[in-house]
Amino acid sequence: MSDLPRPKRRAFLADMDRLGEAVERACRRLDPAFRRVNLEILGNTDDFLHAHVRPRFGWEPAASVRKPVWLYPGERCTDERFALGPRHDPLRQAIGTELDALTATPAPAPE
């Protein structure tokens, strides 16, 4: 983040906030077990600025529910049962709809 000029930093954080809110709204609407959204900016592996927006749910395994998602067992990332696919289309559509709504509504001016 510190490599970016301040206006680009603000834009990055505002976009991350907007996406996080859209994911929260969509997940809350589609899954009654939705709990919260975790927003993370990590720089441990990749040499480029990026953020993780991760919804969390009450149905997550008890051993993992209060831990960061990157501490889930490795097979959660490689098992085909958890792969992104057509069954996720309604969620993608809902997030897109929420993003469109948030983008159409200007953010309040900072105080």
C-alpha atoms as a PDB file:
ATOM      1  CA  MET A   1       0.000   0.000   0.000  1.00  0.00           C
ATOM      2  CA  SER A   2       2.756   2.410   0.867  1.00  0.00           C
ATOM      3  CA  ASP A   3       4.047   2.268  -2.742  1.00  0.00           C
ATOM      4  CA  LEU A   4       0.834   3.879  -3.951  1.00  0.00           C
ATOM      5  CA  PRO A   5       0.092   7.595  -3.881  1.00  0.00           C
ATOM      6  CA  ARG A   6      -2.436   8.442  -1.194  1.00  0.00           C
ATOM      7  CA  PRO A   7      -5.406   8.892  -3.598  1.00  0.00           C
ATOM      8  CA  LYS A   8      -4.830   5.391  -5.036  1.00  0.00           C
ATOM      9  CA  ARG A   9      -4.577   3.940  -1.525  1.00  0.00           C
ATOM     10  CA  ARG A  10      -7.918   5.506  -0.654  1.00  0.00           C
ATOM     11  CA  ALA A  11      -9.449   4.193  -3.874  1.00  0.00           C
ATOM     12  CA  PHE A  12      -8.161   0.663  -3.182  1.00  0.00           C
ATOM     13  CA  LEU A  13      -9.549   0.685   0.365  1.00  0.00           C
ATOM     14  CA  ALA A  14     -12.861   2.169  -0.782  1.00  0.00           C
ATOM     15  CA  ASP A  15     -13.198  -0.557  -3.431  1.00  0.00           C
ATOM     16  CA  MET A  16     -12.361  -3.247  -0.875  1.00  0.00           C
ATOM     17  CA  ASP A  17     -14.963  -1.784   1.485  1.00  0.00           C
ATOM     18  CA  ARG A  18     -17.589  -1.671  -1.281  1.00  0.00           C
ATOM     19  CA  LEU A  19     -16.924  -5.276  -2.286  1.00  0.00           C
ATOM     20  CA  GLY A  20     -17.010  -6.382   1.360  1.00  0.00           C
ATOM     21  CA  GLU A  21     -20.377  -4.713   1.850  1.00  0.00           C
ATOM     22  CA  ALA A  22     -21.758  -6.265  -1.351  1.00  0.00           C
ATOM     23  CA  VAL A  23     -20.588  -9.733  -0.272  1.00  0.00           C
ATOM     24  CA  GLU A  24     -22.113  -9.198   3.173  1.00  0.00           C
ATOM     25  CA  ARG A  25     -25.475  -8.092   1.758  1.00  0.00           C
ATOM     26  CA  ALA A  26     -25.607 -10.965  -0.744  1.00  0.00           C
ATOM     27  CA  CYS A  27     -24.574 -13.636   1.751  1.00  0.00           C
ATOM     28  CA  ARG A  28     -26.963 -12.335   4.410  1.00  0.00           C
ATOM     29  CA  ARG A  29     -29.810 -12.531   1.887  1.00  0.00           C
ATOM     30  CA  LEU A  30     -28.916 -16.012   0.572  1.00  0.00           C
ATOM     31  CA  ASP A  31     -27.736 -17.875   3.668  1.00  0.00           C
ATOM     32  CA  PRO A  32     -29.323 -17.514   7.124  1.00  0.00           C
ATOM     33  CA  ALA A  33     -26.125 -18.890   8.673  1.00  0.00           C
ATOM     34  CA  PHE A  34     -24.083 -15.901   7.448  1.00  0.00           C
ATOM     35  CA  ARG A  35     -22.078 -14.373  10.320  1.00  0.00           C
ATOM     36  CA  ARG A  36     -19.651 -11.730   9.046  1.00  0.00           C
ATOM     37  CA  VAL A  37     -17.122 -10.797   6.361  1.00  0.00           C
ATOM     38  CA  ASN A  38     -13.398 -10.835   6.968  1.00  0.00           C
ATOM     39  CA  LEU A  39     -11.352  -8.303   4.992  1.00  0.00           C
ATOM     40  CA  GLU A  40      -7.628  -9.007   4.737  1.00  0.00           C
ATOM     41  CA  ILE A  41      -4.697  -7.379   3.042  1.00  0.00           C
ATOM     42  CA  LEU A  42      -1.798  -9.799   3.310  1.00  0.00           C
ATOM     43  CA  GLY A  43       1.590  -9.588   1.681  1.00  0.00           C
ATOM     44  CA  ASN A  44       3.118 -12.872   2.664  1.00  0.00           C
ATOM     45  CA  THR A  45       3.269 -14.642  -0.686  1.00  0.00           C
ATOM     46  CA  ASP A  46       2.277 -12.502  -3.643  1.00  0.00           C
ATOM     47  CA  ASP A  47       4.334  -9.487  -4.658  1.00  0.00           C
ATOM     48  CA  PHE A  48       1.317  -7.418  -5.682  1.00  0.00           C
ATOM     49  CA  LEU A  49      -1.317  -5.573  -3.739  1.00  0.00           C
ATOM     50  CA  HIS A  50      -4.533  -7.525  -3.325  1.00  0.00           C
ATOM     51  CA  ALA A  51      -7.211  -8.102  -0.746  1.00  0.00           C
ATOM     52  CA  HIS A  52      -9.186 -11.108   0.454  1.00  0.00           C
ATOM     53  CA  VAL A  53     -12.908 -10.713   1.089  1.00  0.00           C
ATOM     54  CA  ARG A  54     -14.101 -13.806   2.914  1.00  0.00           C
ATOM     55  CA  PRO A  55     -17.631 -14.400   4.151  1.00  0.00           C
ATOM     56  CA  ARG A  56     -17.938 -16.499   7.290  1.00  0.00           C
ATOM     57  CA  PHE A  57     -20.860 -18.747   8.221  1.00  0.00           C
ATOM     58  CA  GLY A  58     -22.285 -20.520  11.236  1.00  0.00           C
ATOM     59  CA  TRP A  59     -22.082 -23.863   9.406  1.00  0.00           C
ATOM     60  CA  GLU A  60     -18.284 -23.774   9.264  1.00  0.00           C
ATOM     61  CA  PRO A  61     -16.579 -26.574  11.224  1.00  0.00           C
ATOM     62  CA  ALA A  62     -16.406 -25.735  14.931  1.00  0.00           C
ATOM     63  CA  ALA A  63     -12.628 -26.206  14.926  1.00  0.00           C
ATOM     64  CA  SER A  64     -12.249 -23.574  12.189  1.00  0.00           C
ATOM     65  CA  VAL A  65     -15.035 -21.066  12.742  1.00  0.00           C
ATOM     66  CA  ARG A  66     -13.013 -18.613  14.847  1.00  0.00           C
ATOM     67  CA  LYS A  67      -9.757 -19.028  12.949  1.00  0.00           C
ATOM     68  CA  PRO A  68      -8.607 -17.394   9.715  1.00  0.00           C
ATOM     69  CA  VAL A  69      -9.812 -19.310   6.657  1.00  0.00           C
ATOM     70  CA  TRP A  70      -6.233 -19.891   5.554  1.00  0.00           C
ATOM     71  CA  LEU A  71      -5.890 -22.251   8.539  1.00  0.00           C
ATOM     72  CA  TYR A  72      -8.519 -24.585   7.078  1.00  0.00           C
ATOM     73  CA  PRO A  73      -7.130 -27.997   6.117  1.00  0.00           C
ATOM     74  CA  GLY A  74      -5.381 -27.887   2.724  1.00  0.00           C
ATOM     75  CA  GLU A  75      -7.887 -30.204   1.053  1.00  0.00           C
ATOM     76  CA  ARG A  76     -10.518 -27.440   1.334  1.00  0.00           C
ATOM     77  CA  CYS A  77      -8.602 -25.692  -1.463  1.00  0.00           C
ATOM     78  CA  THR A  78      -8.030 -28.771  -3.625  1.00  0.00           C
ATOM     79  CA  ASP A  79     -11.118 -30.953  -3.135  1.00  0.00           C
ATOM     80  CA  GLU A  80     -13.512 -30.749  -6.121  1.00  0.00           C
ATOM     81  CA  ARG A  81     -16.483 -30.623  -3.720  1.00  0.00           C
ATOM     82  CA  PHE A  82     -15.451 -27.085  -2.807  1.00  0.00           C
ATOM     83  CA  ALA A  83     -14.466 -25.868  -6.283  1.00  0.00           C
ATOM     84  CA  LEU A  84     -16.077 -22.788  -7.763  1.00  0.00           C
ATOM     85  CA  GLY A  85     -18.713 -23.796 -10.288  1.00  0.00           C
ATOM     86  CA  PRO A  86     -22.199 -23.198 -11.697  1.00  0.00           C
ATOM     87  CA  ARG A  87     -23.830 -23.786  -8.305  1.00  0.00           C
ATOM     88  CA  HIS A  88     -22.212 -20.499  -7.251  1.00  0.00           C
ATOM     89  CA  ASP A  89     -23.867 -18.520 -10.069  1.00  0.00           C
ATOM     90  CA  PRO A  90     -26.711 -17.222  -7.849  1.00  0.00           C
ATOM     91  CA  LEU A  91     -24.179 -15.925  -5.328  1.00  0.00           C
ATOM     92  CA  ARG A  92     -22.067 -14.264  -8.036  1.00  0.00           C
ATOM     93  CA  GLN A  93     -25.216 -12.654  -9.455  1.00  0.00           C
ATOM     94  CA  ALA A  94     -26.302 -11.446  -6.009  1.00  0.00           C
ATOM     95  CA  ILE A  95     -22.882  -9.920  -5.316  1.00  0.00           C
ATOM     96  CA  GLY A  96     -22.939  -8.200  -8.722  1.00  0.00           C
ATOM     97  CA  THR A  97     -26.405  -6.812  -8.039  1.00  0.00           C
ATOM     98  CA  GLU A  98     -25.283  -5.481  -4.656  1.00  0.00           C
ATOM     99  CA  LEU A  99     -22.137  -3.943  -6.176  1.00  0.00           C
ATOM    100  CA  ASP A 100     -24.253  -2.214  -8.812  1.00  0.00           C
ATOM    101  CA  ALA A 101     -26.565  -0.844  -6.116  1.00  0.00           C
ATOM    102  CA  LEU A 102     -23.671   0.387  -3.971  1.00  0.00           C
ATOM    103  CA  THR A 103     -21.927   1.963  -6.963  1.00  0.00           C
ATOM    104  CA  ALA A 104     -25.117   3.787  -7.968  1.00  0.00           C
ATOM    105  CA  THR A 105     -25.424   5.261  -4.467  1.00  0.00           C
ATOM    106  CA  PRO A 106     -22.594   7.703  -3.728  1.00  0.00           C
ATOM    107  CA  ALA A 107     -20.745   7.172  -0.484  1.00  0.00           C
ATOM    108  CA  PRO A 108     -21.301   9.816   2.201  1.00  0.00           C
ATOM    109  CA  ALA A 109     -18.714  12.579   2.309  1.00  0.00           C
ATOM    110  CA  PRO A 110     -16.074  12.160   5.028  1.00  0.00           C
ATOM    111  CA  GLU A 111     -16.567  14.323   8.089  1.00  0.00           C
END
